[in-house]
Amino acid sequence: MELEWLKPAAFFGSVVYALIGVVVFWLGFVVIDKITPYDLWAEIVEKQNRALALVVAAMCLGISIIVAAAIHG
Protein backbone atom coordinates (compact mmCIF):
# COMPACT_ATOMS: atom_id res chain seq x y z
CA MET A 1 0.00 0.00 0.00
CA GLU A 2 1.58 3.22 -1.16
CA LEU A 3 0.81 6.44 0.68
CA GLU A 4 0.28 8.86 -2.19
CA TRP A 5 -0.50 11.82 0.07
CA LEU A 6 2.86 11.55 1.86
CA LYS A 7 4.80 12.41 -1.28
CA PRO A 8 6.26 15.94 -1.05
CA ALA A 9 4.67 17.12 -4.30
CA ALA A 10 1.18 16.03 -3.21
CA PHE A 11 1.62 17.45 0.28
CA PHE A 12 2.89 20.86 -0.85
CA GLY A 13 0.29 21.00 -3.61
CA SER A 14 -2.42 20.47 -1.00
CA VAL A 15 -0.95 23.18 1.20
CA VAL A 16 -0.76 25.63 -1.71
CA TYR A 17 -4.37 24.95 -2.75
CA ALA A 18 -5.51 25.31 0.86
CA LEU A 19 -3.79 28.69 1.13
CA ILE A 20 -5.27 29.82 -2.18
CA GLY A 21 -8.71 28.74 -0.95
CA VAL A 22 -8.35 30.65 2.31
CA VAL A 23 -7.17 33.79 0.51
CA VAL A 24 -10.03 33.66 -2.00
CA PHE A 25 -12.52 33.07 0.82
CA TRP A 26 -11.10 35.99 2.78
CA LEU A 27 -11.27 38.29 -0.27
CA GLY A 28 -14.87 37.25 -0.90
CA PHE A 29 -15.78 37.98 2.69
CA VAL A 30 -14.08 41.38 2.60
CA VAL A 31 -15.99 42.28 -0.57
CA ILE A 32 -19.30 41.28 1.02
CA ASP A 33 -18.40 43.20 4.18
CA LYS A 34 -17.62 46.33 2.13
CA ILE A 35 -20.86 46.26 0.12
CA THR A 36 -23.11 45.90 3.16
CA PRO A 37 -24.44 49.21 4.49
CA TYR A 38 -23.23 48.57 8.07
CA ASP A 39 -20.31 47.11 9.98
CA LEU A 40 -20.86 43.33 10.20
CA TRP A 41 -18.57 42.89 13.21
CA ALA A 42 -20.31 45.59 15.26
CA GLU A 43 -23.76 44.27 14.38
CA ILE A 44 -22.94 40.66 15.23
CA VAL A 45 -20.67 41.06 18.26
CA GLU A 46 -21.71 44.29 19.91
CA LYS A 47 -25.42 44.39 19.09
CA GLN A 48 -25.85 40.57 19.25
CA ASN A 49 -27.74 40.44 15.94
CA ARG A 50 -28.28 36.68 15.62
CA ALA A 51 -30.24 36.89 12.39
CA LEU A 52 -27.37 38.68 10.68
CA ALA A 53 -24.94 36.14 12.13
CA LEU A 54 -26.93 33.33 10.51
CA VAL A 55 -26.95 35.14 7.17
CA VAL A 56 -23.18 35.71 7.36
CA ALA A 57 -22.64 32.06 8.32
CA ALA A 58 -24.68 30.92 5.31
CA MET A 59 -22.71 33.30 3.11
CA CYS A 60 -19.44 31.88 4.45
CA LEU A 61 -20.58 28.34 3.69
CA GLY A 62 -21.63 29.37 0.19
CA ILE A 63 -18.31 31.04 -0.56
CA SER A 64 -16.47 28.01 0.84
CA ILE A 65 -18.40 25.59 -1.37
CA ILE A 66 -17.77 27.73 -4.46
CA VAL A 67 -14.04 28.01 -3.70
CA ALA A 68 -13.77 24.27 -3.06
CA ALA A 69 -15.57 23.45 -6.31
CA ALA A 70 -13.38 25.87 -8.26
CA ILE A 71 -10.19 24.38 -6.85
CA HIS A 72 -11.36 20.78 -7.25
CA GLY A 73 -12.25 21.37 -10.88
PDB file of N, CA and C in Angstrom:
ATOM      1  N   MET A   1       0.849  -1.179   0.000  1.00  0.00           N
ATOM      2  CA  MET A   1       0.000   0.000   0.000  1.00  0.00           C
ATOM      3  C   MET A   1       0.893   1.240   0.000  1.00  0.00           C
ATOM      4  N   GLU A   2       0.767   2.022  -1.037  1.00  0.00           N
ATOM      5  CA  GLU A   2       1.579   3.224  -1.165  1.00  0.00           C
ATOM      6  C   GLU A   2       0.793   4.429  -0.654  1.00  0.00           C
ATOM      7  N   LEU A   3       1.455   5.243   0.132  1.00  0.00           N
ATOM      8  CA  LEU A   3       0.809   6.436   0.683  1.00  0.00           C
ATOM      9  C   LEU A   3       1.074   7.612  -0.241  1.00  0.00           C
ATOM     10  N   GLU A   4       0.145   7.821  -1.172  1.00  0.00           N
ATOM     11  CA  GLU A   4       0.279   8.864  -2.187  1.00  0.00           C
ATOM     12  C   GLU A   4       0.342  10.260  -1.563  1.00  0.00           C
ATOM     13  N   TRP A   5      -0.420  10.476  -0.510  1.00  0.00           N
ATOM     14  CA  TRP A   5      -0.502  11.817   0.068  1.00  0.00           C
ATOM     15  C   TRP A   5       0.748  12.190   0.863  1.00  0.00           C
ATOM     16  N   LEU A   6       1.628  11.230   1.140  1.00  0.00           N
ATOM     17  CA  LEU A   6       2.856  11.550   1.857  1.00  0.00           C
ATOM     18  C   LEU A   6       3.982  12.016   0.945  1.00  0.00           C
ATOM     19  N   LYS A   7       3.779  11.928  -0.349  1.00  0.00           N
ATOM     20  CA  LYS A   7       4.802  12.412  -1.276  1.00  0.00           C
ATOM     21  C   LYS A   7       4.893  13.929  -1.163  1.00  0.00           C
ATOM     22  N   PRO A   8       6.101  14.483  -1.220  1.00  0.00           N
ATOM     23  CA  PRO A   8       6.258  15.937  -1.048  1.00  0.00           C
ATOM     24  C   PRO A   8       5.454  16.759  -2.048  1.00  0.00           C
ATOM     25  N   ALA A   9       5.399  16.336  -3.297  1.00  0.00           N
ATOM     26  CA  ALA A   9       4.667  17.120  -4.299  1.00  0.00           C
ATOM     27  C   ALA A   9       3.181  17.168  -3.962  1.00  0.00           C
ATOM     28  N   ALA A  10       2.603  16.056  -3.563  1.00  0.00           N
ATOM     29  CA  ALA A  10       1.178  16.030  -3.213  1.00  0.00           C
ATOM     30  C   ALA A  10       0.917  16.847  -1.953  1.00  0.00           C
ATOM     31  N   PHE A  11       1.800  16.730  -0.975  1.00  0.00           N
ATOM     32  CA  PHE A  11       1.622  17.453   0.280  1.00  0.00           C
ATOM     33  C   PHE A  11       1.693  18.964   0.062  1.00  0.00           C
ATOM     34  N   PHE A  12       2.738  19.415  -0.631  1.00  0.00           N
ATOM     35  CA  PHE A  12       2.892  20.858  -0.845  1.00  0.00           C
ATOM     36  C   PHE A  12       1.828  21.401  -1.804  1.00  0.00           C
ATOM     37  N   GLY A  13       1.393  20.584  -2.743  1.00  0.00           N
ATOM     38  CA  GLY A  13       0.290  20.995  -3.606  1.00  0.00           C
ATOM     39  C   GLY A  13      -0.985  21.213  -2.807  1.00  0.00           C
ATOM     40  N   SER A  14      -1.245  20.318  -1.855  1.00  0.00           N
ATOM     41  CA  SER A  14      -2.422  20.465  -0.996  1.00  0.00           C
ATOM     42  C   SER A  14      -2.327  21.718  -0.142  1.00  0.00           C
ATOM     43  N   VAL A  15      -1.138  21.990   0.378  1.00  0.00           N
ATOM     44  CA  VAL A  15      -0.951  23.183   1.203  1.00  0.00           C
ATOM     45  C   VAL A  15      -1.149  24.446   0.370  1.00  0.00           C
ATOM     46  N   VAL A  16      -0.615  24.455  -0.843  1.00  0.00           N
ATOM     47  CA  VAL A  16      -0.764  25.630  -1.715  1.00  0.00           C
ATOM     48  C   VAL A  16      -2.232  25.861  -2.064  1.00  0.00           C
ATOM     49  N   TYR A  17      -2.949  24.792  -2.427  1.00  0.00           N
ATOM     50  CA  TYR A  17      -4.367  24.952  -2.754  1.00  0.00           C
ATOM     51  C   TYR A  17      -5.179  25.367  -1.533  1.00  0.00           C
ATOM     52  N   ALA A  18      -4.820  24.886  -0.356  1.00  0.00           N
ATOM     53  CA  ALA A  18      -5.514  25.307   0.862  1.00  0.00           C
ATOM     54  C   ALA A  18      -5.294  26.798   1.118  1.00  0.00           C
ATOM     55  N   LEU A  19      -4.070  27.261   0.941  1.00  0.00           N
ATOM     56  CA  LEU A  19      -3.786  28.688   1.134  1.00  0.00           C
ATOM     57  C   LEU A  19      -4.512  29.547   0.105  1.00  0.00           C
ATOM     58  N   ILE A  20      -4.533  29.088  -1.144  1.00  0.00           N
ATOM     59  CA  ILE A  20      -5.273  29.819  -2.179  1.00  0.00           C
ATOM     60  C   ILE A  20      -6.751  29.878  -1.821  1.00  0.00           C
ATOM     61  N   GLY A  21      -7.299  28.770  -1.351  1.00  0.00           N
ATOM     62  CA  GLY A  21      -8.707  28.740  -0.952  1.00  0.00           C
ATOM     63  C   GLY A  21      -9.015  29.696   0.182  1.00  0.00           C
ATOM     64  N   VAL A  22      -8.138  29.740   1.174  1.00  0.00           N
ATOM     65  CA  VAL A  22      -8.354  30.648   2.308  1.00  0.00           C
ATOM     66  C   VAL A  22      -8.265  32.101   1.857  1.00  0.00           C
ATOM     67  N   VAL A  23      -7.317  32.414   0.993  1.00  0.00           N
ATOM     68  CA  VAL A  23      -7.166  33.794   0.508  1.00  0.00           C
ATOM     69  C   VAL A  23      -8.386  34.209  -0.316  1.00  0.00           C
ATOM     70  N   VAL A  24      -8.851  33.333  -1.190  1.00  0.00           N
ATOM     71  CA  VAL A  24     -10.029  33.658  -2.004  1.00  0.00           C
ATOM     72  C   VAL A  24     -11.258  33.814  -1.119  1.00  0.00           C
ATOM     73  N   PHE A  25     -11.402  32.939  -0.119  1.00  0.00           N
ATOM     74  CA  PHE A  25     -12.518  33.070   0.821  1.00  0.00           C
ATOM     75  C   PHE A  25     -12.452  34.399   1.560  1.00  0.00           C
ATOM     76  N   TRP A  26     -11.260  34.747   2.034  1.00  0.00           N
ATOM     77  CA  TRP A  26     -11.095  35.994   2.775  1.00  0.00           C
ATOM     78  C   TRP A  26     -11.434  37.194   1.897  1.00  0.00           C
ATOM     79  N   LEU A  27     -10.959  37.184   0.646  1.00  0.00           N
ATOM     80  CA  LEU A  27     -11.265  38.291  -0.274  1.00  0.00           C
ATOM     81  C   LEU A  27     -12.768  38.386  -0.535  1.00  0.00           C
ATOM     82  N   GLY A  28     -13.426  37.248  -0.705  1.00  0.00           N
ATOM     83  CA  GLY A  28     -14.873  37.254  -0.901  1.00  0.00           C
ATOM     84  C   GLY A  28     -15.599  37.826   0.302  1.00  0.00           C
ATOM     85  N   PHE A  29     -15.153  37.453   1.482  1.00  0.00           N
ATOM     86  CA  PHE A  29     -15.784  37.977   2.691  1.00  0.00           C
ATOM     87  C   PHE A  29     -15.563  39.477   2.827  1.00  0.00           C
ATOM     88  N   VAL A  30     -14.365  39.948   2.509  1.00  0.00           N
ATOM     89  CA  VAL A  30     -14.080  41.385   2.595  1.00  0.00           C
ATOM     90  C   VAL A  30     -14.960  42.159   1.613  1.00  0.00           C
ATOM     91  N   VAL A  31     -15.132  41.620   0.417  1.00  0.00           N
ATOM     92  CA  VAL A  31     -15.993  42.284  -0.572  1.00  0.00           C
ATOM     93  C   VAL A  31     -17.433  42.364  -0.058  1.00  0.00           C
ATOM     94  N   ILE A  32     -17.940  41.268   0.477  1.00  0.00           N
ATOM     95  CA  ILE A  32     -19.301  41.280   1.019  1.00  0.00           C
ATOM     96  C   ILE A  32     -19.404  42.246   2.189  1.00  0.00           C
ATOM     97  N   ASP A  33     -18.388  42.285   3.040  1.00  0.00           N
ATOM     98  CA  ASP A  33     -18.399  43.203   4.178  1.00  0.00           C
ATOM     99  C   ASP A  33     -18.407  44.650   3.714  1.00  0.00           C
ATOM    100  N   LYS A  34     -17.684  44.952   2.632  1.00  0.00           N
ATOM    101  CA  LYS A  34     -17.621  46.335   2.130  1.00  0.00           C
ATOM    102  C   LYS A  34     -18.919  46.776   1.463  1.00  0.00           C
ATOM    103  N   ILE A  35     -19.642  45.845   0.832  1.00  0.00           N
ATOM    104  CA  ILE A  35     -20.857  46.262   0.123  1.00  0.00           C
ATOM    105  C   ILE A  35     -22.091  46.295   1.017  1.00  0.00           C
ATOM    106  N   THR A  36     -21.985  45.785   2.235  1.00  0.00           N
ATOM    107  CA  THR A  36     -23.112  45.895   3.156  1.00  0.00           C
ATOM    108  C   THR A  36     -23.147  47.306   3.738  1.00  0.00           C
ATOM    109  N   PRO A  37     -24.337  47.809   4.041  1.00  0.00           N
ATOM    110  CA  PRO A  37     -24.444  49.207   4.488  1.00  0.00           C
ATOM    111  C   PRO A  37     -24.032  49.438   5.942  1.00  0.00           C
ATOM    112  N   TYR A  38     -23.612  48.406   6.661  1.00  0.00           N
ATOM    113  CA  TYR A  38     -23.234  48.567   8.066  1.00  0.00           C
ATOM    114  C   TYR A  38     -22.049  47.674   8.376  1.00  0.00           C
ATOM    115  N   ASP A  39     -21.470  47.878   9.558  1.00  0.00           N
ATOM    116  CA  ASP A  39     -20.312  47.106   9.982  1.00  0.00           C
ATOM    117  C   ASP A  39     -20.780  45.747  10.502  1.00  0.00           C
ATOM    118  N   LEU A  40     -20.407  44.673   9.816  1.00  0.00           N
ATOM    119  CA  LEU A  40     -20.861  43.333  10.201  1.00  0.00           C
ATOM    120  C   LEU A  40     -20.377  42.964  11.597  1.00  0.00           C
ATOM    121  N   TRP A  41     -19.126  43.269  11.914  1.00  0.00           N
ATOM    122  CA  TRP A  41     -18.571  42.891  13.213  1.00  0.00           C
ATOM    123  C   TRP A  41     -19.331  43.576  14.353  1.00  0.00           C
ATOM    124  N   ALA A  42     -19.594  44.864  14.204  1.00  0.00           N
ATOM    125  CA  ALA A  42     -20.308  45.589  15.262  1.00  0.00           C
ATOM    126  C   ALA A  42     -21.730  45.065  15.413  1.00  0.00           C
ATOM    127  N   GLU A  43     -22.384  44.780  14.313  1.00  0.00           N
ATOM    128  CA  GLU A  43     -23.757  44.269  14.379  1.00  0.00           C
ATOM    129  C   GLU A  43     -23.828  42.905  15.051  1.00  0.00           C
ATOM    130  N   ILE A  44     -22.888  42.032  14.717  1.00  0.00           N
ATOM    131  CA  ILE A  44     -22.944  40.665  15.235  1.00  0.00           C
ATOM    132  C   ILE A  44     -22.439  40.593  16.675  1.00  0.00           C
ATOM    133  N   VAL A  45     -21.301  41.213  16.950  1.00  0.00           N
ATOM    134  CA  VAL A  45     -20.674  41.058  18.262  1.00  0.00           C
ATOM    135  C   VAL A  45     -21.238  42.032  19.288  1.00  0.00           C
ATOM    136  N   GLU A  46     -21.307  43.292  18.929  1.00  0.00           N
ATOM    137  CA  GLU A  46     -21.709  44.293  19.912  1.00  0.00           C
ATOM    138  C   GLU A  46     -23.224  44.358  20.091  1.00  0.00           C
ATOM    139  N   LYS A  47     -23.963  44.288  18.995  1.00  0.00           N
ATOM    140  CA  LYS A  47     -25.423  44.392  19.090  1.00  0.00           C
ATOM    141  C   LYS A  47     -26.107  43.028  19.184  1.00  0.00           C
ATOM    142  N   GLN A  48     -25.336  41.942  19.118  1.00  0.00           N
ATOM    143  CA  GLN A  48     -25.852  40.574  19.249  1.00  0.00           C
ATOM    144  C   GLN A  48     -26.970  40.265  18.243  1.00  0.00           C
ATOM    145  N   ASN A  49     -26.764  40.674  17.002  1.00  0.00           N
ATOM    146  CA  ASN A  49     -27.743  40.437  15.941  1.00  0.00           C
ATOM    147  C   ASN A  49     -27.584  39.009  15.424  1.00  0.00           C
ATOM    148  N   ARG A  50     -28.390  38.093  15.960  1.00  0.00           N
ATOM    149  CA  ARG A  50     -28.275  36.677  15.617  1.00  0.00           C
ATOM    150  C   ARG A  50     -28.758  36.386  14.205  1.00  0.00           C
ATOM    151  N   ALA A  51     -29.751  37.107  13.749  1.00  0.00           N
ATOM    152  CA  ALA A  51     -30.243  36.895  12.392  1.00  0.00           C
ATOM    153  C   ALA A  51     -29.162  37.224  11.366  1.00  0.00           C
ATOM    154  N   LEU A  52     -28.462  38.312  11.571  1.00  0.00           N
ATOM    155  CA  LEU A  52     -27.366  38.676  10.675  1.00  0.00           C
ATOM    156  C   LEU A  52     -26.234  37.658  10.772  1.00  0.00           C
ATOM    157  N   ALA A  53     -25.981  37.160  11.967  1.00  0.00           N
ATOM    158  CA  ALA A  53     -24.938  36.143  12.135  1.00  0.00           C
ATOM    159  C   ALA A  53     -25.265  34.888  11.335  1.00  0.00           C
ATOM    160  N   LEU A  54     -26.528  34.493  11.309  1.00  0.00           N
ATOM    161  CA  LEU A  54     -26.932  33.330  10.512  1.00  0.00           C
ATOM    162  C   LEU A  54     -26.781  33.595   9.018  1.00  0.00           C
ATOM    163  N   VAL A  55     -27.107  34.792   8.585  1.00  0.00           N
ATOM    164  CA  VAL A  55     -26.948  35.142   7.169  1.00  0.00           C
ATOM    165  C   VAL A  55     -25.467  35.139   6.788  1.00  0.00           C
ATOM    166  N   VAL A  56     -24.621  35.693   7.638  1.00  0.00           N
ATOM    167  CA  VAL A  56     -23.180  35.713   7.363  1.00  0.00           C
ATOM    168  C   VAL A  56     -22.618  34.296   7.376  1.00  0.00           C
ATOM    169  N   ALA A  57     -23.093  33.448   8.284  1.00  0.00           N
ATOM    170  CA  ALA A  57     -22.639  32.057   8.320  1.00  0.00           C
ATOM    171  C   ALA A  57     -23.031  31.327   7.044  1.00  0.00           C
ATOM    172  N   ALA A  58     -24.245  31.542   6.564  1.00  0.00           N
ATOM    173  CA  ALA A  58     -24.680  30.925   5.308  1.00  0.00           C
ATOM    174  C   ALA A  58     -23.853  31.441   4.136  1.00  0.00           C
ATOM    175  N   MET A  59     -23.541  32.736   4.157  1.00  0.00           N
ATOM    176  CA  MET A  59     -22.707  33.303   3.106  1.00  0.00           C
ATOM    177  C   MET A  59     -21.310  32.690   3.130  1.00  0.00           C
ATOM    178  N   CYS A  60     -20.764  32.495   4.320  1.00  0.00           N
ATOM    179  CA  CYS A  60     -19.437  31.883   4.449  1.00  0.00           C
ATOM    180  C   CYS A  60     -19.446  30.457   3.916  1.00  0.00           C
ATOM    181  N   LEU A  61     -20.468  29.700   4.226  1.00  0.00           N
ATOM    182  CA  LEU A  61     -20.578  28.340   3.694  1.00  0.00           C
ATOM    183  C   LEU A  61     -20.701  28.349   2.174  1.00  0.00           C
ATOM    184  N   GLY A  62     -21.483  29.270   1.645  1.00  0.00           N
ATOM    185  CA  GLY A  62     -21.635  29.366   0.194  1.00  0.00           C
ATOM    186  C   GLY A  62     -20.330  29.702  -0.501  1.00  0.00           C
ATOM    187  N   ILE A  63     -19.607  30.672   0.026  1.00  0.00           N
ATOM    188  CA  ILE A  63     -18.310  31.035  -0.556  1.00  0.00           C
ATOM    189  C   ILE A  63     -17.346  29.857  -0.462  1.00  0.00           C
ATOM    190  N   SER A  64     -17.357  29.162   0.670  1.00  0.00           N
ATOM    191  CA  SER A  64     -16.467  28.010   0.843  1.00  0.00           C
ATOM    192  C   SER A  64     -16.764  26.907  -0.161  1.00  0.00           C
ATOM    193  N   ILE A  65     -18.023  26.632  -0.404  1.00  0.00           N
ATOM    194  CA  ILE A  65     -18.397  25.595  -1.370  1.00  0.00           C
ATOM    195  C   ILE A  65     -17.978  26.000  -2.778  1.00  0.00           C
ATOM    196  N   ILE A  66     -18.165  27.252  -3.129  1.00  0.00           N
ATOM    197  CA  ILE A  66     -17.771  27.732  -4.458  1.00  0.00           C
ATOM    198  C   ILE A  66     -16.258  27.647  -4.637  1.00  0.00           C
ATOM    199  N   VAL A  67     -15.502  28.068  -3.620  1.00  0.00           N
ATOM    200  CA  VAL A  67     -14.042  28.015  -3.702  1.00  0.00           C
ATOM    201  C   VAL A  67     -13.567  26.561  -3.821  1.00  0.00           C
ATOM    202  N   ALA A  68     -14.148  25.668  -3.014  1.00  0.00           N
ATOM    203  CA  ALA A  68     -13.768  24.266  -3.057  1.00  0.00           C
ATOM    204  C   ALA A  68     -14.077  23.649  -4.421  1.00  0.00           C
ATOM    205  N   ALA A  69     -15.222  23.981  -4.994  1.00  0.00           N
ATOM    206  CA  ALA A  69     -15.572  23.455  -6.307  1.00  0.00           C
ATOM    207  C   ALA A  69     -14.645  24.010  -7.395  1.00  0.00           C
ATOM    208  N   ALA A  70     -14.280  25.264  -7.265  1.00  0.00           N
ATOM    209  CA  ALA A  70     -13.380  25.866  -8.263  1.00  0.00           C
ATOM    210  C   ALA A  70     -11.997  25.248  -8.183  1.00  0.00           C
ATOM    211  N   ILE A  71     -11.507  24.972  -6.990  1.00  0.00           N
ATOM    212  CA  ILE A  71     -10.188  24.377  -6.849  1.00  0.00           C
ATOM    213  C   ILE A  71     -10.213  22.916  -7.277  1.00  0.00           C
ATOM    214  N   HIS A  72     -11.269  22.217  -6.927  1.00  0.00           N
ATOM    215  CA  HIS A  72     -11.363  20.783  -7.254  1.00  0.00           C
ATOM    216  C   HIS A  72     -11.460  20.571  -8.753  1.00  0.00           C
ATOM    217  N   GLY A  73     -12.155  21.453  -9.423  1.00  0.00           N
ATOM    218  CA  GLY A  73     -12.253  21.371 -10.879  1.00  0.00           C
ATOM    219  C   GLY A  73     -13.461  20.802 -11.341  1.00  0.00           C
TER     220      GLY A  73
END
